[in-house]
Amino acid sequence: MCTCLVIWGIFVEIHFLNVCTICYQGDSYYNISLERNETFFTLLPNINCKKNPPFLVLLITSIHDQQAARMAIRQSWGKPRTIQKQNVVAFFLLGSSVIRQHEDQANLVDEHNKYNDIIQRDFIDAYYNLTLKTVMGLDWIHHFCPETTFVMKTDTDMFVNTIYLVDLLLRKKLTANFFTGFLKPDEYPIRNIFSKWYVSRLEYPYYKYPPFCSGTGYVFSVDVALKIINMTSIVPFFKLEDVYVGLCLDKLKIPLQELHNKQTFFPERVSFSVCNYRNIVTSHGVQPKDILLYWEAMEWSETEKC
């Protein structure tokens, strides 16, 4: 008998997921899939994408105690703005806290009421549930903002040069079946049980992963969101979110593409200078205070030549 974790929320009813994340039969895992079902979001932004369609929606994974990072992003690269006549908006993706559950949720509701930028469902907010969090964001796009042209999934410890990203997307002129980021074409499962990214042969028996993009930041055309959502009932649940998305893309035969002929997505931290950061899309491992400092420096030097 398989006991499945069923995710529930309140307020808005849509079609989403029942998830069986830790089902066993003897010593082996079931072939677990994410199944569509009727359920709810806990928190939803009040946004009308039909009336004011964004060009780019930023979906930023976060956890409850990252208030400082969320504030820094709201005041910098995640601030709603118009770039080359294209609207860019940002939203934070969260699950449910289990440590200070009632206090954390009350604080999050207050924050959401103030900023109107949090998307939440009632699953445990843990690293290995990033797949659930990301699929939640894609499903939100499908139901509430399919009018956007592009979507970016990224994290709170990232610096994202949205100005350069919009410029590159406009130059690329691809608005369907498009997926880009820091490409990882030759990655293998880590079998070291002490690694954060350890994967057992029961979870993934194959020798090599299909190509995928680093979860630190990837960008795709909005049609890909629905295609991935439709794959979740076919592709078994996998705890590494970026690999899971790659598994879906592999089934869909959607190729990964370079956004530029030079590397623009960096899954590690890039040393800051205005000239360095003008020509990249992402830098990883950036603290909230540095996010603000870097963004301010770039705004002040906008007209300076490198």
C-alpha atoms as a PDB file:
ATOM      1  CA  MET A   1       0.000   0.000   0.000  1.00  0.00           C
ATOM      2  CA  CYS A   2       1.401   3.405  -0.910  1.00  0.00           C
ATOM      3  CA  THR A   3       0.627   6.335   1.368  1.00  0.00           C
ATOM      4  CA  CYS A   4       0.823   9.543  -0.584  1.00  0.00           C
ATOM      5  CA  LEU A   5       1.368  13.093   0.619  1.00  0.00           C
ATOM      6  CA  VAL A   6      -1.609  15.060  -0.667  1.00  0.00           C
ATOM      7  CA  ILE A   7      -1.061  18.808  -0.803  1.00  0.00           C
ATOM      8  CA  TRP A   8      -3.864  21.108   0.302  1.00  0.00           C
ATOM      9  CA  GLY A   9      -4.315  24.867   0.518  1.00  0.00           C
ATOM     10  CA  ILE A  10      -7.078  27.408   0.765  1.00  0.00           C
ATOM     11  CA  PHE A  11      -8.797  30.160  -1.179  1.00  0.00           C
ATOM     12  CA  VAL A  12      -8.440  29.640  -4.936  1.00  0.00           C
ATOM     13  CA  GLU A  13      -9.413  26.383  -6.605  1.00  0.00           C
ATOM     14  CA  ILE A  14      -7.498  25.278  -9.693  1.00  0.00           C
ATOM     15  CA  HIS A  15      -6.185  22.048 -11.154  1.00  0.00           C
ATOM     16  CA  PHE A  16      -2.780  21.218  -9.742  1.00  0.00           C
ATOM     17  CA  LEU A  17      -1.087  18.298  -8.018  1.00  0.00           C
ATOM     18  CA  ASN A  18      -1.362  15.367  -5.711  1.00  0.00           C
ATOM     19  CA  VAL A  19       2.125  14.279  -4.842  1.00  0.00           C
ATOM     20  CA  CYS A  20       3.439  11.044  -3.467  1.00  0.00           C
ATOM     21  CA  THR A  21       6.984  11.998  -2.572  1.00  0.00           C
ATOM     22  CA  ILE A  22       8.149   9.148  -0.347  1.00  0.00           C
ATOM     23  CA  CYS A  23       6.299   6.000  -1.303  1.00  0.00           C
ATOM     24  CA  TYR A  24       7.977   2.666  -0.770  1.00  0.00           C
ATOM     25  CA  GLN A  25       7.321  -0.929  -1.744  1.00  0.00           C
ATOM     26  CA  GLY A  26       9.716  -3.005   0.294  1.00  0.00           C
ATOM     27  CA  ASP A  27      13.164  -1.511  -0.237  1.00  0.00           C
ATOM     28  CA  SER A  28      12.477   0.191  -3.534  1.00  0.00           C
ATOM     29  CA  TYR A  29      10.767   3.363  -4.700  1.00  0.00           C
ATOM     30  CA  TYR A  30       7.589   3.401  -6.724  1.00  0.00           C
ATOM     31  CA  ASN A  31       7.685   5.075 -10.107  1.00  0.00           C
ATOM     32  CA  ILE A  32       6.151   8.240  -8.661  1.00  0.00           C
ATOM     33  CA  SER A  33       4.555  10.863 -10.889  1.00  0.00           C
ATOM     34  CA  LEU A  34       3.051  14.271 -10.254  1.00  0.00           C
ATOM     35  CA  GLU A  35      -0.662  13.825 -10.892  1.00  0.00           C
ATOM     36  CA  ARG A  36      -3.064  16.644 -11.726  1.00  0.00           C
ATOM     37  CA  ASN A  37      -5.907  17.080  -9.260  1.00  0.00           C
ATOM     38  CA  GLU A  38      -8.158  19.800  -7.857  1.00  0.00           C
ATOM     39  CA  THR A  39      -6.509  21.729  -5.072  1.00  0.00           C
ATOM     40  CA  PHE A  40      -5.700  25.288  -3.980  1.00  0.00           C
ATOM     41  CA  PHE A  41      -3.115  28.018  -3.645  1.00  0.00           C
ATOM     42  CA  THR A  42      -2.606  29.449  -0.171  1.00  0.00           C
ATOM     43  CA  LEU A  43      -1.461  32.892  -1.363  1.00  0.00           C
ATOM     44  CA  LEU A  44      -1.940  34.445  -4.781  1.00  0.00           C
ATOM     45  CA  PRO A  45      -1.001  37.858  -6.222  1.00  0.00           C
ATOM     46  CA  ASN A  46      -3.792  40.076  -7.460  1.00  0.00           C
ATOM     47  CA  ILE A  47      -2.623  40.577 -11.031  1.00  0.00           C
ATOM     48  CA  ASN A  48      -4.444  40.962 -14.337  1.00  0.00           C
ATOM     49  CA  CYS A  49      -2.136  39.737 -17.084  1.00  0.00           C
ATOM     50  CA  LYS A  50      -4.869  40.028 -19.689  1.00  0.00           C
ATOM     51  CA  LYS A  51      -5.171  43.747 -19.061  1.00  0.00           C
ATOM     52  CA  ASN A  52      -1.443  44.397 -18.766  1.00  0.00           C
ATOM     53  CA  PRO A  53       0.536  41.507 -20.297  1.00  0.00           C
ATOM     54  CA  PRO A  54       4.112  41.192 -19.071  1.00  0.00           C
ATOM     55  CA  PHE A  55       6.954  40.477 -21.440  1.00  0.00           C
ATOM     56  CA  LEU A  56       8.899  38.662 -18.723  1.00  0.00           C
ATOM     57  CA  VAL A  57       7.750  37.104 -15.444  1.00  0.00           C
ATOM     58  CA  LEU A  58      10.455  36.326 -12.885  1.00  0.00           C
ATOM     59  CA  LEU A  59       9.615  33.379 -10.610  1.00  0.00           C
ATOM     60  CA  ILE A  60      11.957  33.446  -7.626  1.00  0.00           C
ATOM     61  CA  THR A  61      12.125  30.483  -5.251  1.00  0.00           C
ATOM     62  CA  SER A  62      12.345  31.557  -1.621  1.00  0.00           C
ATOM     63  CA  ILE A  63      11.816  30.330   1.949  1.00  0.00           C
ATOM     64  CA  HIS A  64      10.189  32.056   4.906  1.00  0.00           C
ATOM     65  CA  ASP A  65      13.299  33.429   6.637  1.00  0.00           C
ATOM     66  CA  GLN A  66      14.656  35.148   3.504  1.00  0.00           C
ATOM     67  CA  GLN A  67      12.805  38.425   4.069  1.00  0.00           C
ATOM     68  CA  ALA A  68      15.984  40.477   3.631  1.00  0.00           C
ATOM     69  CA  ALA A  69      16.710  38.880   0.253  1.00  0.00           C
ATOM     70  CA  ARG A  70      13.139  39.419  -0.940  1.00  0.00           C
ATOM     71  CA  MET A  71      13.299  43.075   0.074  1.00  0.00           C
ATOM     72  CA  ALA A  72      16.628  43.576  -1.687  1.00  0.00           C
ATOM     73  CA  ILE A  73      15.240  42.021  -4.876  1.00  0.00           C
ATOM     74  CA  ARG A  74      12.066  44.152  -4.696  1.00  0.00           C
ATOM     75  CA  GLN A  75      14.256  47.247  -4.543  1.00  0.00           C
ATOM     76  CA  SER A  76      16.601  46.190  -7.349  1.00  0.00           C
ATOM     77  CA  TRP A  77      16.363  43.709 -10.204  1.00  0.00           C
ATOM     78  CA  GLY A  78      12.915  42.391  -9.199  1.00  0.00           C
ATOM     79  CA  LYS A  79      11.233  45.774  -9.060  1.00  0.00           C
ATOM     80  CA  PRO A  80       8.371  46.013 -11.591  1.00  0.00           C
ATOM     81  CA  ARG A  81       9.663  48.090 -14.490  1.00  0.00           C
ATOM     82  CA  THR A  82       9.419  48.741 -18.198  1.00  0.00           C
ATOM     83  CA  ILE A  83      12.538  47.944 -20.236  1.00  0.00           C
ATOM     84  CA  GLN A  84      12.560  48.866 -23.929  1.00  0.00           C
ATOM     85  CA  LYS A  85       8.746  49.171 -23.676  1.00  0.00           C
ATOM     86  CA  GLN A  86       8.510  45.645 -22.222  1.00  0.00           C
ATOM     87  CA  ASN A  87       6.953  44.997 -18.803  1.00  0.00           C
ATOM     88  CA  VAL A  88       8.894  42.917 -16.283  1.00  0.00           C
ATOM     89  CA  VAL A  89       7.345  41.643 -13.032  1.00  0.00           C
ATOM     90  CA  ALA A  90       8.572  39.346 -10.255  1.00  0.00           C
ATOM     91  CA  PHE A  91       6.940  36.916  -7.830  1.00  0.00           C
ATOM     92  CA  PHE A  92       8.276  34.745  -5.003  1.00  0.00           C
ATOM     93  CA  LEU A  93       7.484  31.036  -4.737  1.00  0.00           C
ATOM     94  CA  LEU A  94       7.117  29.556  -1.240  1.00  0.00           C
ATOM     95  CA  GLY A  95       5.866  26.464   0.526  1.00  0.00           C
ATOM     96  CA  SER A  96       4.911  26.114   4.205  1.00  0.00           C
ATOM     97  CA  SER A  97       7.215  26.534   7.175  1.00  0.00           C
ATOM     98  CA  VAL A  98       7.303  23.682   9.686  1.00  0.00           C
ATOM     99  CA  ILE A  99       9.495  25.265  12.390  1.00  0.00           C
ATOM    100  CA  ARG A 100       7.462  28.327  13.448  1.00  0.00           C
ATOM    101  CA  GLN A 101       4.485  27.458  11.315  1.00  0.00           C
ATOM    102  CA  HIS A 102       1.806  29.863  12.595  1.00  0.00           C
ATOM    103  CA  GLU A 103       4.171  32.782  13.251  1.00  0.00           C
ATOM    104  CA  ASP A 104       5.939  32.414   9.907  1.00  0.00           C
ATOM    105  CA  GLN A 105       2.665  32.150   7.999  1.00  0.00           C
ATOM    106  CA  ALA A 106       1.205  35.211   9.712  1.00  0.00           C
ATOM    107  CA  ASN A 107       4.327  37.203   8.828  1.00  0.00           C
ATOM    108  CA  LEU A 108       4.207  35.966   5.237  1.00  0.00           C
ATOM    109  CA  VAL A 109       0.548  36.942   4.878  1.00  0.00           C
ATOM    110  CA  ASP A 110       1.396  40.444   6.156  1.00  0.00           C
ATOM    111  CA  GLU A 111       4.273  40.671   3.676  1.00  0.00           C
ATOM    112  CA  HIS A 112       2.071  39.506   0.822  1.00  0.00           C
ATOM    113  CA  ASN A 113      -0.682  41.973   1.729  1.00  0.00           C
ATOM    114  CA  LYS A 114       1.909  44.742   1.533  1.00  0.00           C
ATOM    115  CA  TYR A 115       3.733  43.740  -1.656  1.00  0.00           C
ATOM    116  CA  ASN A 116       1.267  41.480  -3.544  1.00  0.00           C
ATOM    117  CA  ASP A 117       4.038  39.283  -4.938  1.00  0.00           C
ATOM    118  CA  ILE A 118       3.933  35.894  -3.180  1.00  0.00           C
ATOM    119  CA  ILE A 119       2.723  32.604  -4.630  1.00  0.00           C
ATOM    120  CA  GLN A 120       2.346  29.838  -2.035  1.00  0.00           C
ATOM    121  CA  ARG A 121       1.055  26.315  -1.627  1.00  0.00           C
ATOM    122  CA  ASP A 122       0.852  24.144   1.453  1.00  0.00           C
ATOM    123  CA  PHE A 123       3.748  21.728   1.008  1.00  0.00           C
ATOM    124  CA  ILE A 124       6.818  21.445   3.244  1.00  0.00           C
ATOM    125  CA  ASP A 125       9.322  24.112   2.245  1.00  0.00           C
ATOM    126  CA  ALA A 126      12.487  22.037   1.884  1.00  0.00           C
ATOM    127  CA  TYR A 127      15.352  21.862  -0.604  1.00  0.00           C
ATOM    128  CA  TYR A 128      14.209  18.561  -2.073  1.00  0.00           C
ATOM    129  CA  ASN A 129      10.768  20.027  -2.714  1.00  0.00           C
ATOM    130  CA  LEU A 130      12.137  22.582  -5.171  1.00  0.00           C
ATOM    131  CA  THR A 131      10.589  20.495  -7.926  1.00  0.00           C
ATOM    132  CA  LEU A 132       7.143  21.004  -6.370  1.00  0.00           C
ATOM    133  CA  LYS A 133       7.827  24.707  -5.966  1.00  0.00           C
ATOM    134  CA  THR A 134       8.943  25.147  -9.554  1.00  0.00           C
ATOM    135  CA  VAL A 135       6.019  23.171 -10.991  1.00  0.00           C
ATOM    136  CA  MET A 136       3.717  25.284  -8.802  1.00  0.00           C
ATOM    137  CA  GLY A 137       5.146  28.402 -10.449  1.00  0.00           C
ATOM    138  CA  LEU A 138       4.643  26.978 -13.933  1.00  0.00           C
ATOM    139  CA  ASP A 139       1.079  26.040 -13.119  1.00  0.00           C
ATOM    140  CA  TRP A 140       0.437  29.556 -11.812  1.00  0.00           C
ATOM    141  CA  ILE A 141       1.729  30.941 -15.114  1.00  0.00           C
ATOM    142  CA  HIS A 142      -0.576  28.611 -17.033  1.00  0.00           C
ATOM    143  CA  HIS A 143      -3.689  29.555 -15.045  1.00  0.00           C
ATOM    144  CA  PHE A 144      -3.106  33.204 -14.192  1.00  0.00           C
ATOM    145  CA  CYS A 145      -0.555  34.711 -16.579  1.00  0.00           C
ATOM    146  CA  PRO A 146      -0.372  32.847 -19.901  1.00  0.00           C
ATOM    147  CA  GLU A 147      -0.231  36.242 -21.631  1.00  0.00           C
ATOM    148  CA  THR A 148       3.428  36.712 -20.710  1.00  0.00           C
ATOM    149  CA  THR A 149       5.976  36.098 -23.458  1.00  0.00           C
ATOM    150  CA  PHE A 150       8.819  34.721 -21.333  1.00  0.00           C
ATOM    151  CA  VAL A 151       9.322  33.269 -17.868  1.00  0.00           C
ATOM    152  CA  MET A 152      12.486  33.077 -15.787  1.00  0.00           C
ATOM    153  CA  LYS A 153      12.936  30.764 -12.819  1.00  0.00           C
ATOM    154  CA  THR A 154      15.677  31.840 -10.423  1.00  0.00           C
ATOM    155  CA  ASP A 155      16.604  32.048  -6.711  1.00  0.00           C
ATOM    156  CA  THR A 156      16.919  34.689  -4.002  1.00  0.00           C
ATOM    157  CA  ASP A 157      20.732  34.495  -3.858  1.00  0.00           C
ATOM    158  CA  MET A 158      21.029  35.610  -7.466  1.00  0.00           C
ATOM    159  CA  PHE A 159      21.792  38.885  -9.170  1.00  0.00           C
ATOM    160  CA  VAL A 160      19.814  39.108 -12.404  1.00  0.00           C
ATOM    161  CA  ASN A 161      20.567  41.796 -14.959  1.00  0.00           C
ATOM    162  CA  THR A 162      17.013  42.130 -16.244  1.00  0.00           C
ATOM    163  CA  ILE A 163      17.971  45.023 -18.530  1.00  0.00           C
ATOM    164  CA  TYR A 164      20.497  42.922 -20.439  1.00  0.00           C
ATOM    165  CA  LEU A 165      18.200  39.872 -20.368  1.00  0.00           C
ATOM    166  CA  VAL A 166      15.312  41.742 -21.997  1.00  0.00           C
ATOM    167  CA  ASP A 167      17.682  43.139 -24.609  1.00  0.00           C
ATOM    168  CA  LEU A 168      18.987  39.673 -25.500  1.00  0.00           C
ATOM    169  CA  LEU A 169      15.490  38.174 -25.638  1.00  0.00           C
ATOM    170  CA  LEU A 170      14.307  40.912 -27.996  1.00  0.00           C
ATOM    171  CA  ARG A 171      17.321  40.307 -30.206  1.00  0.00           C
ATOM    172  CA  LYS A 172      16.798  36.542 -30.202  1.00  0.00           C
ATOM    173  CA  LYS A 173      13.288  36.886 -31.640  1.00  0.00           C
ATOM    174  CA  LEU A 174      12.245  33.389 -30.534  1.00  0.00           C
ATOM    175  CA  THR A 175       8.921  33.144 -28.718  1.00  0.00           C
ATOM    176  CA  ALA A 176       8.077  29.426 -28.915  1.00  0.00           C
ATOM    177  CA  ASN A 177       9.816  26.192 -27.866  1.00  0.00           C
ATOM    178  CA  PHE A 178      12.622  28.296 -26.436  1.00  0.00           C
ATOM    179  CA  PHE A 179      14.643  27.345 -23.336  1.00  0.00           C
ATOM    180  CA  THR A 180      17.960  28.806 -22.257  1.00  0.00           C
ATOM    181  CA  GLY A 181      20.257  29.215 -19.278  1.00  0.00           C
ATOM    182  CA  PHE A 182      23.621  27.851 -18.162  1.00  0.00           C
ATOM    183  CA  LEU A 183      23.679  24.669 -20.220  1.00  0.00           C
ATOM    184  CA  LYS A 184      24.737  21.385 -18.608  1.00  0.00           C
ATOM    185  CA  PRO A 185      24.927  18.865 -21.457  1.00  0.00           C
ATOM    186  CA  ASP A 186      27.151  16.242 -19.766  1.00  0.00           C
ATOM    187  CA  GLU A 187      26.129  15.741 -16.147  1.00  0.00           C
ATOM    188  CA  TYR A 188      26.109  12.447 -14.250  1.00  0.00           C
ATOM    189  CA  PRO A 189      24.240  11.377 -11.103  1.00  0.00           C
ATOM    190  CA  ILE A 190      26.279  11.827  -7.926  1.00  0.00           C
ATOM    191  CA  ARG A 191      26.386   8.531  -6.031  1.00  0.00           C
ATOM    192  CA  ASN A 192      28.290   9.850  -3.009  1.00  0.00           C
ATOM    193  CA  ILE A 193      25.795   9.591  -0.112  1.00  0.00           C
ATOM    194  CA  PHE A 194      27.398  12.575   1.646  1.00  0.00           C
ATOM    195  CA  SER A 195      26.717  14.936  -1.246  1.00  0.00           C
ATOM    196  CA  LYS A 196      23.843  17.410  -1.201  1.00  0.00           C
ATOM    197  CA  TRP A 197      23.022  16.200  -4.716  1.00  0.00           C
ATOM    198  CA  TYR A 198      23.254  12.470  -3.956  1.00  0.00           C
ATOM    199  CA  VAL A 199      20.893  10.360  -6.037  1.00  0.00           C
ATOM    200  CA  SER A 200      20.458   6.636  -5.464  1.00  0.00           C
ATOM    201  CA  ARG A 201      20.127   4.136  -8.295  1.00  0.00           C
ATOM    202  CA  LEU A 202      16.572   3.511  -7.106  1.00  0.00           C
ATOM    203  CA  GLU A 203      15.751   7.176  -7.736  1.00  0.00           C
ATOM    204  CA  TYR A 204      17.610   7.368 -11.044  1.00  0.00           C
ATOM    205  CA  PRO A 205      19.114   4.149 -12.408  1.00  0.00           C
ATOM    206  CA  TYR A 206      20.621   5.641 -15.552  1.00  0.00           C
ATOM    207  CA  TYR A 207      24.252   6.512 -16.232  1.00  0.00           C
ATOM    208  CA  LYS A 208      23.777  10.096 -17.369  1.00  0.00           C
ATOM    209  CA  TYR A 209      21.267  12.937 -17.104  1.00  0.00           C
ATOM    210  CA  PRO A 210      19.742  14.436 -20.234  1.00  0.00           C
ATOM    211  CA  PRO A 211      20.916  17.996 -20.949  1.00  0.00           C
ATOM    212  CA  PHE A 212      19.498  20.563 -18.527  1.00  0.00           C
ATOM    213  CA  CYS A 213      20.094  24.145 -17.397  1.00  0.00           C
ATOM    214  CA  SER A 214      21.397  25.114 -13.976  1.00  0.00           C
ATOM    215  CA  GLY A 215      18.551  25.830 -11.571  1.00  0.00           C
ATOM    216  CA  THR A 216      20.237  29.083 -10.579  1.00  0.00           C
ATOM    217  CA  GLY A 217      18.482  30.733 -13.509  1.00  0.00           C
ATOM    218  CA  TYR A 218      16.825  29.611 -16.716  1.00  0.00           C
ATOM    219  CA  VAL A 219      14.507  31.388 -19.153  1.00  0.00           C
ATOM    220  CA  PHE A 220      11.845  29.956 -21.447  1.00  0.00           C
ATOM    221  CA  SER A 221       8.978  30.968 -23.706  1.00  0.00           C
ATOM    222  CA  VAL A 222       5.575  30.750 -22.036  1.00  0.00           C
ATOM    223  CA  ASP A 223       4.374  27.835 -24.189  1.00  0.00           C
ATOM    224  CA  VAL A 224       7.061  25.655 -22.585  1.00  0.00           C
ATOM    225  CA  ALA A 225       5.452  26.146 -19.152  1.00  0.00           C
ATOM    226  CA  LEU A 226       2.251  24.384 -20.221  1.00  0.00           C
ATOM    227  CA  LYS A 227       4.186  21.662 -22.029  1.00  0.00           C
ATOM    228  CA  ILE A 228       6.202  20.903 -18.890  1.00  0.00           C
ATOM    229  CA  ILE A 229       3.032  20.899 -16.763  1.00  0.00           C
ATOM    230  CA  ASN A 230       1.526  18.329 -19.126  1.00  0.00           C
ATOM    231  CA  MET A 231       4.645  16.184 -18.720  1.00  0.00           C
ATOM    232  CA  THR A 232       4.347  15.999 -14.924  1.00  0.00           C
ATOM    233  CA  SER A 233       1.865  13.123 -15.135  1.00  0.00           C
ATOM    234  CA  ILE A 234       4.339  11.190 -17.308  1.00  0.00           C
ATOM    235  CA  VAL A 235       7.810  12.022 -15.992  1.00  0.00           C
ATOM    236  CA  PRO A 236       8.357  10.534 -12.496  1.00  0.00           C
ATOM    237  CA  PHE A 237       8.978  12.966  -9.641  1.00  0.00           C
ATOM    238  CA  PHE A 238      12.679  13.749  -9.174  1.00  0.00           C
ATOM    239  CA  LYS A 239      14.018  15.742  -6.235  1.00  0.00           C
ATOM    240  CA  LEU A 240      16.599  17.776  -8.210  1.00  0.00           C
ATOM    241  CA  GLU A 241      14.472  20.480  -9.803  1.00  0.00           C
ATOM    242  CA  ASP A 242      16.758  21.514 -12.653  1.00  0.00           C
ATOM    243  CA  VAL A 243      17.314  17.891 -13.650  1.00  0.00           C
ATOM    244  CA  TYR A 244      13.558  17.221 -13.468  1.00  0.00           C
ATOM    245  CA  VAL A 245      12.869  20.102 -15.855  1.00  0.00           C
ATOM    246  CA  GLY A 246      15.561  18.680 -18.143  1.00  0.00           C
ATOM    247  CA  LEU A 247      13.879  15.267 -18.049  1.00  0.00           C
ATOM    248  CA  CYS A 248      10.606  16.893 -19.132  1.00  0.00           C
ATOM    249  CA  LEU A 249      12.304  18.842 -21.928  1.00  0.00           C
ATOM    250  CA  ASP A 250      13.989  15.647 -23.116  1.00  0.00           C
ATOM    251  CA  LYS A 251      10.597  13.938 -23.407  1.00  0.00           C
ATOM    252  CA  LEU A 252       9.227  16.979 -25.224  1.00  0.00           C
ATOM    253  CA  LYS A 253      12.203  17.091 -27.617  1.00  0.00           C
ATOM    254  CA  ILE A 254      12.721  20.769 -26.794  1.00  0.00           C
ATOM    255  CA  PRO A 255      16.412  21.603 -27.292  1.00  0.00           C
ATOM    256  CA  LEU A 256      18.383  23.866 -24.979  1.00  0.00           C
ATOM    257  CA  GLN A 257      19.662  26.973 -26.720  1.00  0.00           C
ATOM    258  CA  GLU A 258      22.338  29.574 -26.097  1.00  0.00           C
ATOM    259  CA  LEU A 259      20.987  33.052 -25.448  1.00  0.00           C
ATOM    260  CA  HIS A 260      24.160  34.704 -26.710  1.00  0.00           C
ATOM    261  CA  ASN A 261      27.393  33.660 -28.362  1.00  0.00           C
ATOM    262  CA  LYS A 262      29.164  34.521 -25.101  1.00  0.00           C
ATOM    263  CA  GLN A 263      28.404  33.016 -21.705  1.00  0.00           C
ATOM    264  CA  THR A 264      25.817  35.158 -19.923  1.00  0.00           C
ATOM    265  CA  PHE A 265      24.429  32.829 -17.208  1.00  0.00           C
ATOM    266  CA  PHE A 266      26.876  32.143 -14.378  1.00  0.00           C
ATOM    267  CA  PRO A 267      26.039  29.456 -11.765  1.00  0.00           C
ATOM    268  CA  GLU A 268      28.788  30.842  -9.555  1.00  0.00           C
ATOM    269  CA  ARG A 269      29.558  34.309  -8.253  1.00  0.00           C
ATOM    270  CA  VAL A 270      31.124  36.743 -10.689  1.00  0.00           C
ATOM    271  CA  SER A 271      33.442  39.374  -9.223  1.00  0.00           C
ATOM    272  CA  PHE A 272      31.633  42.666  -9.341  1.00  0.00           C
ATOM    273  CA  SER A 273      32.452  45.543 -11.590  1.00  0.00           C
ATOM    274  CA  VAL A 274      29.948  47.573 -13.534  1.00  0.00           C
ATOM    275  CA  CYS A 275      31.493  46.457 -16.824  1.00  0.00           C
ATOM    276  CA  ASN A 276      31.423  42.779 -15.791  1.00  0.00           C
ATOM    277  CA  TYR A 277      27.796  42.876 -14.713  1.00  0.00           C
ATOM    278  CA  ARG A 278      26.537  44.824 -17.725  1.00  0.00           C
ATOM    279  CA  ASN A 279      27.286  41.834 -19.941  1.00  0.00           C
ATOM    280  CA  ILE A 280      25.964  38.969 -17.846  1.00  0.00           C
ATOM    281  CA  VAL A 281      22.436  37.798 -17.036  1.00  0.00           C
ATOM    282  CA  THR A 282      23.056  36.001 -13.720  1.00  0.00           C
ATOM    283  CA  SER A 283      25.584  35.831 -10.911  1.00  0.00           C
ATOM    284  CA  HIS A 284      25.112  33.337  -8.077  1.00  0.00           C
ATOM    285  CA  GLY A 285      25.725  33.544  -4.329  1.00  0.00           C
ATOM    286  CA  VAL A 286      25.087  37.280  -3.913  1.00  0.00           C
ATOM    287  CA  GLN A 287      24.069  38.548  -0.471  1.00  0.00           C
ATOM    288  CA  PRO A 288      21.109  40.968  -0.064  1.00  0.00           C
ATOM    289  CA  LYS A 289      23.317  43.976   0.794  1.00  0.00           C
ATOM    290  CA  ASP A 290      25.457  43.310  -2.273  1.00  0.00           C
ATOM    291  CA  ILE A 291      22.417  42.945  -4.521  1.00  0.00           C
ATOM    292  CA  LEU A 292      21.437  46.492  -3.552  1.00  0.00           C
ATOM    293  CA  LEU A 293      24.980  47.863  -3.867  1.00  0.00           C
ATOM    294  CA  TYR A 294      25.533  46.298  -7.280  1.00  0.00           C
ATOM    295  CA  TRP A 295      22.186  47.466  -8.661  1.00  0.00           C
ATOM    296  CA  GLU A 296      22.716  51.004  -7.398  1.00  0.00           C
ATOM    297  CA  ALA A 297      26.203  51.109  -8.907  1.00  0.00           C
ATOM    298  CA  MET A 298      24.877  49.970 -12.264  1.00  0.00           C
ATOM    299  CA  GLU A 299      22.077  52.525 -12.236  1.00  0.00           C
ATOM    300  CA  TRP A 300      24.459  55.376 -11.353  1.00  0.00           C
ATOM    301  CA  SER A 301      26.884  54.401 -14.122  1.00  0.00           C
ATOM    302  CA  GLU A 302      24.277  53.667 -16.779  1.00  0.00           C
ATOM    303  CA  THR A 303      25.666  56.189 -19.244  1.00  0.00           C
ATOM    304  CA  GLU A 304      29.352  55.445 -18.593  1.00  0.00           C
ATOM    305  CA  LYS A 305      31.337  53.541 -21.206  1.00  0.00           C
ATOM    306  CA  CYS A 306      33.316  50.409 -20.362  1.00  0.00           C
END
